[in-house]
C-alpha cells in the first residue's frame, strides 16, 4: 500500500522537477518493522523524480558513512547534495506534520526555499565549533515543524551544525530516559537547551551562544 497520496505525488513532481542539484537520501536501516516502513517511504519519494534519489545503507555495516553523517540511531536518513553531507538528518519517518519539514529541507537544499540574510546569517556563520542539534518531536505536534524547519535552514549555512529530527514515538525509550514530557525539545551536544515553540531568531541566538 502506498504511503504517499497520488495528489501529493503529483504536486511534489512539479516541485522536484525544478531542482538543479542531485539530492540523495541515504538511509541507515536495521531489521525492524519501522526500518522497513522508512525504506518503503523513501522508495516512493525516489520514484517521484530523477532529481531526488534514495540509497539504502546498513546501520550495522556502514559505520564510516554513519560517522560522516553524525547519525547514531537506526531508522534514520541523511540528506546529501551533489554527494556532500548537508548536516540535515531525520531519525524516524517524517510523516504527519513533519512531512512538510522533510520536503522543505529537500527544496531548500536546491535553493528553492527561505534564505537567511543580515544579522541572522552573520550569527549562524560565526559558529566555529561542531554542534550536534537534536530535536525530539511528535508527528502530531503543531509547533514542532516550525522548529525543525528553522533548524534545517540554519544548518545549510554552516557545516559545523548538524541537525536531526527525532520522532519520540519511534525512539520512545530514549525519550523516556531523557525525561521528555513535552515537545519540541532541543538538545545541543547532548544537553537540553530548549522546550516548546521557538522563533528562528530565538533558535539562532541559542545556537550562536552555546
N, C-alpha and C. Protein backbone atom coordinates (compact mmCIF):
# COMPACT_ATOMS: atom_id res chain seq x y z
N UNK A 1 0.84 -1.20 0.00
CA UNK A 1 0.00 0.00 0.00
C UNK A 1 0.88 1.26 0.00
N UNK A 2 0.57 2.21 -0.88
CA UNK A 2 1.36 3.43 -0.98
C UNK A 2 1.19 4.29 0.26
N UNK A 3 2.30 4.87 0.71
CA UNK A 3 2.26 5.75 1.87
C UNK A 3 1.94 7.19 1.46
N UNK A 4 2.26 7.52 0.20
CA UNK A 4 2.02 8.88 -0.30
C UNK A 4 0.79 8.93 -1.18
N UNK A 5 -0.06 9.89 -0.90
CA UNK A 5 -1.28 10.11 -1.68
C UNK A 5 -0.90 10.53 -3.11
N UNK A 6 -1.67 10.07 -4.11
CA UNK A 6 -1.34 10.34 -5.51
C UNK A 6 -1.36 11.83 -5.83
N UNK A 7 -2.25 12.59 -5.17
CA UNK A 7 -2.28 14.04 -5.39
C UNK A 7 -1.01 14.70 -4.88
N UNK A 8 -0.52 14.23 -3.73
CA UNK A 8 0.72 14.76 -3.17
C UNK A 8 1.89 14.44 -4.09
N UNK A 9 1.91 13.23 -4.63
CA UNK A 9 2.98 12.82 -5.55
C UNK A 9 3.02 13.75 -6.75
N UNK A 10 1.86 14.08 -7.31
CA UNK A 10 1.80 14.98 -8.48
C UNK A 10 2.33 16.37 -8.14
N UNK A 11 1.94 16.87 -6.96
CA UNK A 11 2.43 18.18 -6.52
C UNK A 11 3.94 18.17 -6.36
N UNK A 12 4.45 17.10 -5.72
CA UNK A 12 5.89 17.01 -5.48
C UNK A 12 6.67 16.90 -6.78
N UNK A 13 6.10 16.22 -7.75
CA UNK A 13 6.77 16.09 -9.04
C UNK A 13 7.04 17.47 -9.64
N UNK A 14 6.03 18.34 -9.53
CA UNK A 14 6.19 19.71 -10.03
C UNK A 14 7.31 20.45 -9.33
N UNK A 15 7.40 20.29 -8.00
CA UNK A 15 8.46 20.95 -7.23
C UNK A 15 9.82 20.33 -7.51
N UNK A 16 9.88 18.99 -7.47
CA UNK A 16 11.16 18.30 -7.63
C UNK A 16 11.77 18.54 -9.00
N UNK A 17 10.94 18.70 -10.02
CA UNK A 17 11.47 18.92 -11.36
C UNK A 17 12.22 20.25 -11.50
N UNK A 18 12.01 21.15 -10.53
CA UNK A 18 12.71 22.45 -10.55
C UNK A 18 14.09 22.36 -9.90
N UNK A 19 14.38 21.22 -9.27
CA UNK A 19 15.65 21.06 -8.56
C UNK A 19 16.81 21.00 -9.55
N UNK A 20 17.86 21.79 -9.28
CA UNK A 20 19.01 21.82 -10.20
C UNK A 20 20.26 21.21 -9.58
N UNK A 21 20.05 20.31 -8.60
CA UNK A 21 21.17 19.62 -7.96
C UNK A 21 20.78 18.16 -7.79
N UNK A 22 21.75 17.33 -7.43
CA UNK A 22 21.44 15.93 -7.15
C UNK A 22 21.27 15.76 -5.64
N UNK A 23 20.04 15.53 -5.22
CA UNK A 23 19.75 15.33 -3.80
C UNK A 23 19.64 13.84 -3.54
N UNK A 24 20.40 13.38 -2.54
CA UNK A 24 20.41 11.96 -2.20
C UNK A 24 19.89 11.76 -0.78
N UNK A 25 19.07 10.73 -0.62
CA UNK A 25 18.55 10.37 0.70
C UNK A 25 19.20 9.05 1.08
N UNK A 26 20.14 9.09 2.01
CA UNK A 26 20.87 7.89 2.43
C UNK A 26 20.33 7.41 3.77
N UNK A 27 19.69 6.23 3.76
CA UNK A 27 19.07 5.71 4.98
C UNK A 27 19.93 4.62 5.59
N UNK A 28 19.95 4.60 6.93
CA UNK A 28 20.71 3.60 7.69
C UNK A 28 19.70 2.75 8.45
N UNK A 29 19.52 1.53 7.99
CA UNK A 29 18.42 0.70 8.46
C UNK A 29 18.90 -0.54 9.20
N UNK A 30 18.01 -1.04 10.08
CA UNK A 30 18.24 -2.32 10.74
C UNK A 30 17.13 -3.28 10.31
N UNK A 31 16.86 -4.31 11.09
CA UNK A 31 15.85 -5.31 10.70
C UNK A 31 14.46 -5.01 11.26
N UNK A 32 14.26 -3.85 11.84
CA UNK A 32 12.98 -3.55 12.48
C UNK A 32 11.87 -3.25 11.47
N UNK A 33 10.64 -3.36 11.94
CA UNK A 33 9.49 -3.04 11.09
C UNK A 33 9.51 -1.56 10.69
N UNK A 34 9.92 -0.70 11.61
CA UNK A 34 9.98 0.74 11.31
C UNK A 34 11.00 1.03 10.22
N UNK A 35 12.10 0.27 10.19
CA UNK A 35 13.09 0.44 9.12
C UNK A 35 12.48 0.04 7.77
N UNK A 36 11.68 -1.02 7.78
CA UNK A 36 11.02 -1.44 6.53
C UNK A 36 10.04 -0.37 6.05
N UNK A 37 9.37 0.26 7.02
CA UNK A 37 8.41 1.33 6.68
C UNK A 37 9.15 2.54 6.10
N UNK A 38 10.29 2.90 6.72
CA UNK A 38 11.09 4.01 6.20
C UNK A 38 11.62 3.69 4.81
N UNK A 39 12.05 2.46 4.61
CA UNK A 39 12.53 2.02 3.30
C UNK A 39 11.44 2.20 2.24
N UNK A 40 10.21 1.80 2.56
CA UNK A 40 9.09 1.95 1.62
C UNK A 40 8.80 3.42 1.33
N UNK A 41 8.82 4.22 2.39
CA UNK A 41 8.56 5.66 2.26
C UNK A 41 9.57 6.32 1.31
N UNK A 42 10.85 6.03 1.53
CA UNK A 42 11.89 6.66 0.73
C UNK A 42 11.91 6.13 -0.71
N UNK A 43 11.51 4.89 -0.91
CA UNK A 43 11.38 4.36 -2.28
C UNK A 43 10.31 5.11 -3.05
N UNK A 44 9.21 5.44 -2.35
CA UNK A 44 8.13 6.20 -3.00
C UNK A 44 8.60 7.61 -3.36
N UNK A 45 9.38 8.22 -2.47
CA UNK A 45 9.92 9.56 -2.75
C UNK A 45 10.89 9.49 -3.93
N UNK A 46 11.72 8.46 -3.94
CA UNK A 46 12.70 8.27 -5.02
C UNK A 46 12.02 8.16 -6.39
N UNK A 47 10.86 7.53 -6.41
CA UNK A 47 10.16 7.29 -7.68
C UNK A 47 9.54 8.55 -8.28
N UNK A 48 9.46 9.62 -7.49
CA UNK A 48 8.79 10.84 -7.95
C UNK A 48 9.60 11.56 -9.02
N UNK A 49 10.93 11.60 -8.84
CA UNK A 49 11.76 12.39 -9.75
C UNK A 49 13.18 11.85 -9.77
N UNK A 50 13.84 12.02 -10.92
CA UNK A 50 15.25 11.61 -11.03
C UNK A 50 16.17 12.54 -10.25
N UNK A 51 15.65 13.69 -9.83
CA UNK A 51 16.47 14.68 -9.11
C UNK A 51 16.69 14.30 -7.65
N UNK A 52 15.82 13.43 -7.11
CA UNK A 52 15.93 13.02 -5.71
C UNK A 52 16.07 11.50 -5.67
N UNK A 53 17.19 11.01 -5.15
CA UNK A 53 17.50 9.58 -5.21
C UNK A 53 17.74 8.98 -3.82
N UNK A 54 17.28 7.77 -3.66
CA UNK A 54 17.37 7.06 -2.38
C UNK A 54 18.46 6.00 -2.42
N UNK A 55 19.28 5.97 -1.38
CA UNK A 55 20.32 4.95 -1.24
C UNK A 55 20.12 4.25 0.10
N UNK A 56 20.03 2.95 0.07
CA UNK A 56 19.81 2.16 1.29
C UNK A 56 21.14 1.67 1.83
N UNK A 57 21.38 1.96 3.11
CA UNK A 57 22.61 1.52 3.75
C UNK A 57 22.28 0.73 5.02
N UNK A 58 23.29 0.09 5.59
CA UNK A 58 23.10 -0.72 6.78
C UNK A 58 23.62 0.02 8.01
N UNK A 59 22.79 0.06 9.04
CA UNK A 59 23.21 0.71 10.30
C UNK A 59 24.38 -0.04 10.91
N UNK A 60 24.42 -1.36 10.71
CA UNK A 60 25.48 -2.18 11.30
C UNK A 60 26.79 -2.09 10.53
N UNK A 61 26.71 -2.04 9.22
CA UNK A 61 27.90 -2.24 8.40
C UNK A 61 28.50 -0.97 7.77
N UNK A 62 27.72 0.09 7.68
CA UNK A 62 28.22 1.29 7.01
C UNK A 62 28.64 2.35 8.02
N UNK A 63 29.56 1.98 8.90
CA UNK A 63 29.96 2.84 10.02
C UNK A 63 30.62 4.14 9.56
N UNK A 64 31.42 4.07 8.51
CA UNK A 64 32.13 5.27 8.05
C UNK A 64 31.13 6.33 7.59
N UNK A 65 30.12 5.90 6.85
CA UNK A 65 29.09 6.84 6.37
C UNK A 65 28.24 7.36 7.53
N UNK A 66 27.98 6.48 8.50
CA UNK A 66 27.24 6.89 9.70
C UNK A 66 27.98 8.02 10.42
N UNK A 67 29.28 7.83 10.60
CA UNK A 67 30.08 8.82 11.31
C UNK A 67 30.12 10.15 10.56
N UNK A 68 30.25 10.08 9.23
CA UNK A 68 30.28 11.30 8.42
C UNK A 68 28.98 12.08 8.57
N UNK A 69 27.86 11.35 8.63
CA UNK A 69 26.54 11.99 8.73
C UNK A 69 26.17 12.36 10.16
N UNK A 70 26.97 11.90 11.12
CA UNK A 70 26.69 12.13 12.54
C UNK A 70 25.35 11.50 12.95
N UNK A 71 25.13 10.29 12.48
CA UNK A 71 23.90 9.56 12.82
C UNK A 71 24.25 8.48 13.84
N UNK A 72 23.44 8.41 14.91
CA UNK A 72 23.71 7.46 15.99
C UNK A 72 22.57 6.47 16.21
N UNK A 73 21.50 6.59 15.42
CA UNK A 73 20.34 5.71 15.59
C UNK A 73 20.00 5.03 14.27
N UNK A 74 19.52 3.77 14.33
CA UNK A 74 18.99 3.18 13.10
C UNK A 74 17.66 3.87 12.76
N UNK A 75 17.03 3.44 11.69
CA UNK A 75 15.76 4.03 11.23
C UNK A 75 15.97 5.54 11.01
N UNK A 76 17.10 5.87 10.41
CA UNK A 76 17.47 7.27 10.19
C UNK A 76 17.93 7.46 8.75
N UNK A 77 17.83 8.71 8.27
CA UNK A 77 18.41 9.01 6.96
C UNK A 77 18.97 10.43 6.96
N UNK A 78 19.92 10.63 6.06
CA UNK A 78 20.58 11.93 5.93
C UNK A 78 20.39 12.45 4.51
N UNK A 79 20.42 13.75 4.36
CA UNK A 79 20.29 14.37 3.04
C UNK A 79 21.68 14.77 2.54
N UNK A 80 21.98 14.41 1.30
CA UNK A 80 23.23 14.82 0.67
C UNK A 80 22.92 15.64 -0.57
N UNK A 81 23.78 16.62 -0.85
CA UNK A 81 23.63 17.42 -2.06
C UNK A 81 24.90 17.27 -2.89
N UNK A 82 24.72 16.79 -4.11
CA UNK A 82 25.87 16.56 -5.01
C UNK A 82 26.97 15.77 -4.32
N UNK A 83 26.55 14.74 -3.56
CA UNK A 83 27.49 13.82 -2.91
C UNK A 83 28.06 14.31 -1.59
N UNK A 84 27.71 15.52 -1.17
CA UNK A 84 28.24 16.08 0.08
C UNK A 84 27.20 16.03 1.19
N UNK A 85 27.64 15.69 2.41
CA UNK A 85 26.73 15.73 3.55
C UNK A 85 26.25 17.16 3.78
N UNK A 86 24.98 17.30 4.11
CA UNK A 86 24.41 18.64 4.32
C UNK A 86 24.20 18.95 5.80
N UNK A 87 24.26 17.93 6.66
CA UNK A 87 24.02 18.16 8.08
C UNK A 87 22.56 18.08 8.46
N UNK A 88 21.70 17.64 7.52
CA UNK A 88 20.27 17.52 7.82
C UNK A 88 19.91 16.03 7.90
N UNK A 89 19.45 15.62 9.08
CA UNK A 89 19.12 14.21 9.32
C UNK A 89 17.70 14.07 9.87
N UNK A 90 17.13 12.91 9.64
CA UNK A 90 15.83 12.56 10.21
C UNK A 90 15.94 11.18 10.84
N UNK A 91 15.56 11.06 12.10
CA UNK A 91 15.52 9.76 12.78
C UNK A 91 14.05 9.42 12.99
N UNK A 92 13.59 8.40 12.27
CA UNK A 92 12.16 8.10 12.22
C UNK A 92 11.65 8.43 10.83
N UNK A 93 10.34 8.36 10.66
CA UNK A 93 9.72 8.62 9.36
C UNK A 93 9.01 9.97 9.43
N UNK A 94 9.43 10.94 8.62
CA UNK A 94 8.84 12.28 8.71
C UNK A 94 7.45 12.34 8.08
N UNK A 95 6.49 11.77 8.77
CA UNK A 95 5.10 11.85 8.33
C UNK A 95 4.37 12.90 9.14
N UNK A 96 3.06 12.89 9.08
CA UNK A 96 2.27 13.85 9.84
C UNK A 96 2.70 15.27 9.54
N UNK A 97 2.81 16.08 10.58
CA UNK A 97 3.20 17.49 10.40
C UNK A 97 4.64 17.64 9.93
N UNK A 98 5.45 16.59 10.12
CA UNK A 98 6.87 16.70 9.73
C UNK A 98 7.12 16.37 8.26
N UNK A 99 6.09 15.94 7.54
CA UNK A 99 6.28 15.66 6.12
C UNK A 99 6.71 16.94 5.39
N UNK A 100 6.05 18.06 5.74
CA UNK A 100 6.42 19.34 5.12
C UNK A 100 7.86 19.72 5.45
N UNK A 101 8.29 19.42 6.69
CA UNK A 101 9.67 19.74 7.09
C UNK A 101 10.67 19.01 6.19
N UNK A 102 10.37 17.76 5.90
CA UNK A 102 11.22 16.95 5.03
C UNK A 102 11.25 17.51 3.61
N UNK A 103 10.08 17.79 3.04
CA UNK A 103 10.01 18.29 1.67
C UNK A 103 10.69 19.66 1.56
N UNK A 104 10.44 20.53 2.54
CA UNK A 104 11.06 21.86 2.51
C UNK A 104 12.58 21.77 2.66
N UNK A 105 13.06 20.77 3.39
CA UNK A 105 14.51 20.57 3.51
C UNK A 105 15.11 20.22 2.15
N UNK A 106 14.44 19.33 1.43
CA UNK A 106 14.91 18.94 0.09
C UNK A 106 14.92 20.15 -0.83
N UNK A 107 13.81 20.89 -0.85
CA UNK A 107 13.72 22.05 -1.73
C UNK A 107 14.69 23.15 -1.32
N UNK A 108 14.89 23.30 0.00
CA UNK A 108 15.82 24.31 0.50
C UNK A 108 17.24 24.05 0.03
N UNK A 109 17.65 22.79 0.02
CA UNK A 109 18.99 22.44 -0.45
C UNK A 109 19.17 22.77 -1.93
N UNK A 110 18.05 22.78 -2.65
CA UNK A 110 18.10 23.11 -4.08
C UNK A 110 17.94 24.61 -4.32
N UNK A 111 17.94 25.39 -3.22
CA UNK A 111 17.83 26.84 -3.35
C UNK A 111 16.43 27.34 -3.61
N UNK A 112 15.43 26.51 -3.33
CA UNK A 112 14.04 26.87 -3.64
C UNK A 112 13.24 27.29 -2.42
N UNK A 113 13.90 27.45 -1.28
CA UNK A 113 13.16 27.78 -0.07
C UNK A 113 13.55 29.13 0.51
N UNK A 114 13.29 29.29 1.81
CA UNK A 114 13.64 30.52 2.52
C UNK A 114 15.15 30.66 2.61
N UNK A 115 15.59 31.90 2.83
CA UNK A 115 17.03 32.15 2.95
C UNK A 115 17.30 33.02 4.17
N UNK A 116 18.51 32.88 4.72
CA UNK A 116 18.95 33.75 5.81
C UNK A 116 19.72 34.91 5.23
N UNK A 117 19.61 36.08 5.91
CA UNK A 117 20.40 37.23 5.48
C UNK A 117 20.64 38.14 6.69
N UNK A 118 21.45 39.16 6.48
CA UNK A 118 21.69 40.15 7.52
C UNK A 118 22.30 39.56 8.79
N UNK A 119 21.84 40.06 9.94
CA UNK A 119 22.37 39.63 11.24
C UNK A 119 22.17 38.14 11.48
N UNK A 120 21.04 37.61 11.04
CA UNK A 120 20.77 36.19 11.23
C UNK A 120 21.86 35.35 10.56
N UNK A 121 22.18 35.70 9.34
CA UNK A 121 23.21 34.97 8.58
C UNK A 121 24.57 35.11 9.24
N UNK A 122 24.92 36.30 9.67
CA UNK A 122 26.21 36.54 10.32
C UNK A 122 26.36 35.71 11.59
N UNK A 123 25.29 35.64 12.38
CA UNK A 123 25.33 34.86 13.63
C UNK A 123 25.53 33.38 13.34
N UNK A 124 24.82 32.87 12.36
CA UNK A 124 24.93 31.44 12.01
C UNK A 124 26.33 31.14 11.48
N UNK A 125 26.83 32.01 10.62
CA UNK A 125 28.17 31.79 10.05
C UNK A 125 29.27 31.90 11.10
N UNK A 126 28.98 32.56 12.21
CA UNK A 126 30.01 32.76 13.24
C UNK A 126 30.27 31.52 14.09
N UNK A 127 29.40 30.52 14.00
CA UNK A 127 29.58 29.29 14.80
C UNK A 127 30.83 28.56 14.29
N UNK A 128 31.82 28.42 15.17
CA UNK A 128 33.11 27.87 14.72
C UNK A 128 33.48 26.55 15.41
N UNK A 129 32.47 25.89 15.99
CA UNK A 129 32.74 24.58 16.60
C UNK A 129 31.61 23.63 16.22
N UNK A 130 31.86 22.31 16.24
CA UNK A 130 30.82 21.35 15.87
C UNK A 130 29.65 21.37 16.85
N UNK A 131 28.44 21.52 16.32
CA UNK A 131 27.23 21.47 17.14
C UNK A 131 26.31 20.38 16.59
N UNK A 132 25.96 19.44 17.46
CA UNK A 132 25.04 18.38 17.10
C UNK A 132 23.68 18.71 17.73
N UNK A 133 22.76 19.19 16.91
CA UNK A 133 21.46 19.67 17.39
C UNK A 133 20.40 18.61 17.11
N UNK A 134 19.81 18.06 18.17
CA UNK A 134 18.80 17.01 18.03
C UNK A 134 17.48 17.51 18.62
N UNK A 135 16.41 17.40 17.85
CA UNK A 135 15.11 17.89 18.31
C UNK A 135 14.12 16.74 18.37
N UNK A 136 13.64 16.44 19.56
CA UNK A 136 12.64 15.40 19.75
C UNK A 136 11.26 15.99 19.46
N UNK A 137 10.50 15.30 18.62
CA UNK A 137 9.19 15.79 18.20
C UNK A 137 8.15 14.68 18.31
N UNK A 138 6.91 15.09 18.18
CA UNK A 138 5.80 14.17 17.94
C UNK A 138 5.24 14.54 16.58
N UNK A 139 4.85 13.56 15.79
CA UNK A 139 4.35 13.85 14.44
C UNK A 139 3.00 14.56 14.46
N UNK A 140 2.35 14.59 15.63
CA UNK A 140 1.07 15.29 15.75
C UNK A 140 1.23 16.69 16.34
N UNK A 141 2.47 17.06 16.68
CA UNK A 141 2.76 18.35 17.31
C UNK A 141 2.71 19.46 16.25
N UNK A 142 1.94 20.51 16.53
CA UNK A 142 1.80 21.60 15.55
C UNK A 142 2.94 22.63 15.63
N UNK A 143 3.61 22.73 16.79
CA UNK A 143 4.73 23.68 16.93
C UNK A 143 6.04 23.09 16.41
N UNK A 144 6.13 21.78 16.40
CA UNK A 144 7.42 21.12 16.07
C UNK A 144 7.95 21.47 14.68
N UNK A 145 7.10 21.47 13.63
CA UNK A 145 7.65 21.74 12.30
C UNK A 145 8.34 23.09 12.18
N UNK A 146 7.82 24.12 12.87
CA UNK A 146 8.46 25.44 12.81
C UNK A 146 9.90 25.37 13.31
N UNK A 147 10.10 24.61 14.39
CA UNK A 147 11.44 24.47 14.96
C UNK A 147 12.33 23.64 14.03
N UNK A 148 11.81 22.52 13.55
CA UNK A 148 12.58 21.65 12.65
C UNK A 148 12.97 22.40 11.37
N UNK A 149 12.01 23.10 10.79
CA UNK A 149 12.28 23.81 9.53
C UNK A 149 13.30 24.93 9.72
N UNK A 150 13.21 25.63 10.84
CA UNK A 150 14.18 26.69 11.12
C UNK A 150 15.58 26.11 11.30
N UNK A 151 15.68 25.02 12.05
CA UNK A 151 16.99 24.41 12.29
C UNK A 151 17.58 23.83 11.00
N UNK A 152 16.74 23.23 10.17
CA UNK A 152 17.22 22.72 8.88
C UNK A 152 17.81 23.85 8.05
N UNK A 153 17.10 24.99 8.03
CA UNK A 153 17.57 26.15 7.28
C UNK A 153 18.90 26.64 7.85
N UNK A 154 18.98 26.76 9.15
CA UNK A 154 20.20 27.23 9.82
C UNK A 154 21.40 26.35 9.44
N UNK A 155 21.19 25.04 9.44
CA UNK A 155 22.31 24.11 9.21
C UNK A 155 22.88 24.23 7.80
N UNK A 156 22.07 24.68 6.84
CA UNK A 156 22.56 24.77 5.46
C UNK A 156 23.60 25.87 5.29
N UNK A 157 23.71 26.76 6.27
CA UNK A 157 24.65 27.88 6.17
C UNK A 157 25.94 27.67 6.96
N UNK A 158 26.06 26.53 7.62
CA UNK A 158 27.28 26.30 8.40
C UNK A 158 27.54 24.80 8.54
N UNK A 159 28.66 24.36 8.01
CA UNK A 159 28.98 22.92 8.02
C UNK A 159 29.28 22.40 9.42
N UNK A 160 29.47 23.28 10.39
CA UNK A 160 29.70 22.85 11.77
C UNK A 160 28.40 22.40 12.46
N UNK A 161 27.26 22.70 11.85
CA UNK A 161 25.97 22.45 12.50
C UNK A 161 25.26 21.27 11.85
N UNK A 162 25.05 20.21 12.65
CA UNK A 162 24.26 19.06 12.21
C UNK A 162 22.93 19.10 12.96
N UNK A 163 21.83 18.90 12.23
CA UNK A 163 20.51 18.92 12.88
C UNK A 163 19.78 17.61 12.59
N UNK A 164 19.09 17.10 13.59
CA UNK A 164 18.37 15.84 13.47
C UNK A 164 16.99 15.95 14.08
N UNK A 165 15.97 15.61 13.30
CA UNK A 165 14.62 15.43 13.84
C UNK A 165 14.54 14.03 14.40
N UNK A 166 14.09 13.88 15.65
CA UNK A 166 13.96 12.57 16.28
C UNK A 166 12.49 12.36 16.65
N UNK A 167 11.88 11.34 16.08
CA UNK A 167 10.49 11.02 16.41
C UNK A 167 10.46 10.31 17.77
N UNK A 168 9.91 10.98 18.78
CA UNK A 168 9.95 10.42 20.13
C UNK A 168 9.06 9.19 20.28
N UNK A 169 8.15 8.96 19.34
CA UNK A 169 7.34 7.73 19.40
C UNK A 169 8.16 6.53 18.93
N UNK A 170 9.00 6.73 17.93
CA UNK A 170 9.86 5.65 17.42
C UNK A 170 10.98 5.37 18.43
N UNK A 171 11.54 6.43 19.00
CA UNK A 171 12.63 6.29 19.97
C UNK A 171 12.09 6.57 21.37
N UNK A 172 11.05 5.83 21.69
CA UNK A 172 10.30 6.04 22.93
C UNK A 172 11.17 5.85 24.18
N UNK A 173 11.99 4.80 24.19
CA UNK A 173 12.83 4.52 25.36
C UNK A 173 13.85 5.64 25.60
N UNK A 174 14.41 6.14 24.51
CA UNK A 174 15.37 7.24 24.64
C UNK A 174 14.68 8.51 25.15
N UNK A 175 13.49 8.79 24.63
CA UNK A 175 12.72 9.96 25.07
C UNK A 175 12.37 9.84 26.56
N UNK A 176 12.03 8.61 26.95
CA UNK A 176 11.68 8.36 28.36
C UNK A 176 12.91 8.56 29.25
N UNK A 177 14.03 8.05 28.79
CA UNK A 177 15.29 8.18 29.53
C UNK A 177 15.69 9.64 29.69
N UNK A 178 15.40 10.44 28.67
CA UNK A 178 15.72 11.87 28.72
C UNK A 178 14.62 12.68 29.42
N UNK A 179 13.60 11.97 29.90
CA UNK A 179 12.50 12.59 30.65
C UNK A 179 11.80 13.69 29.84
N UNK A 180 11.53 13.37 28.57
CA UNK A 180 10.84 14.34 27.70
C UNK A 180 9.34 14.28 27.97
N UNK A 181 8.80 15.38 28.47
CA UNK A 181 7.38 15.44 28.82
C UNK A 181 6.56 16.17 27.75
N UNK A 182 7.19 17.11 27.07
CA UNK A 182 6.51 17.90 26.04
C UNK A 182 7.48 18.12 24.89
N UNK A 183 6.94 18.36 23.71
CA UNK A 183 7.79 18.58 22.52
C UNK A 183 7.40 19.90 21.86
N UNK A 184 8.31 20.47 21.07
CA UNK A 184 9.65 20.01 20.74
C UNK A 184 10.66 20.28 21.87
N UNK A 185 11.65 19.38 21.98
CA UNK A 185 12.76 19.57 22.91
C UNK A 185 14.06 19.54 22.11
N UNK A 186 14.85 20.60 22.27
CA UNK A 186 16.10 20.73 21.52
C UNK A 186 17.28 20.42 22.44
N UNK A 187 18.12 19.49 21.98
CA UNK A 187 19.38 19.17 22.66
C UNK A 187 20.53 19.64 21.76
N UNK A 188 21.54 20.26 22.36
CA UNK A 188 22.74 20.64 21.62
C UNK A 188 23.93 19.98 22.29
N UNK A 189 24.62 19.15 21.51
CA UNK A 189 25.75 18.36 22.03
C UNK A 189 25.37 17.62 23.32
N UNK A 190 24.16 17.05 23.30
CA UNK A 190 23.72 16.20 24.40
C UNK A 190 23.05 16.92 25.56
N UNK A 191 23.05 18.24 25.56
CA UNK A 191 22.44 18.99 26.65
C UNK A 191 21.11 19.62 26.22
N UNK A 192 20.09 19.46 27.07
CA UNK A 192 18.79 20.05 26.76
C UNK A 192 18.90 21.57 26.83
N UNK A 193 18.49 22.24 25.74
CA UNK A 193 18.63 23.69 25.66
C UNK A 193 17.32 24.44 25.46
N UNK A 194 16.27 23.72 25.03
CA UNK A 194 15.03 24.43 24.71
C UNK A 194 13.85 23.47 24.74
N UNK A 195 12.71 23.97 25.24
CA UNK A 195 11.47 23.20 25.22
C UNK A 195 10.36 24.11 24.68
N UNK A 196 9.56 23.57 23.76
CA UNK A 196 8.41 24.31 23.26
C UNK A 196 8.70 25.14 22.02
N UNK A 197 7.70 25.91 21.61
CA UNK A 197 7.79 26.71 20.39
C UNK A 197 8.90 27.75 20.49
N UNK A 198 9.61 27.94 19.38
CA UNK A 198 10.66 28.95 19.31
C UNK A 198 10.65 29.58 17.92
N UNK A 199 10.99 30.87 17.85
CA UNK A 199 11.13 31.52 16.55
C UNK A 199 12.51 31.22 15.99
N UNK A 200 12.70 31.49 14.71
CA UNK A 200 14.01 31.26 14.11
C UNK A 200 15.05 32.18 14.76
N UNK A 201 14.64 33.40 15.14
CA UNK A 201 15.56 34.32 15.82
C UNK A 201 16.04 33.74 17.15
N UNK A 202 15.10 33.17 17.90
CA UNK A 202 15.46 32.57 19.20
C UNK A 202 16.38 31.37 19.01
N UNK A 203 16.14 30.58 17.99
CA UNK A 203 16.97 29.40 17.73
C UNK A 203 18.37 29.80 17.28
N UNK A 204 18.45 30.83 16.46
CA UNK A 204 19.77 31.32 16.01
C UNK A 204 20.57 31.82 17.21
N UNK A 205 19.93 32.58 18.08
CA UNK A 205 20.62 33.09 19.28
C UNK A 205 21.06 31.93 20.18
N UNK A 206 20.22 30.91 20.29
CA UNK A 206 20.54 29.75 21.11
C UNK A 206 21.80 29.06 20.59
N UNK A 207 21.84 28.86 19.27
CA UNK A 207 22.96 28.17 18.64
C UNK A 207 24.24 29.03 18.67
N UNK A 208 24.08 30.31 18.44
CA UNK A 208 25.24 31.21 18.37
C UNK A 208 25.89 31.40 19.73
N UNK A 209 25.13 31.13 20.80
CA UNK A 209 25.65 31.40 22.15
C UNK A 209 25.97 30.13 22.95
N UNK A 210 26.04 29.01 22.29
CA UNK A 210 26.37 27.76 23.00
C UNK A 210 27.83 27.80 23.45
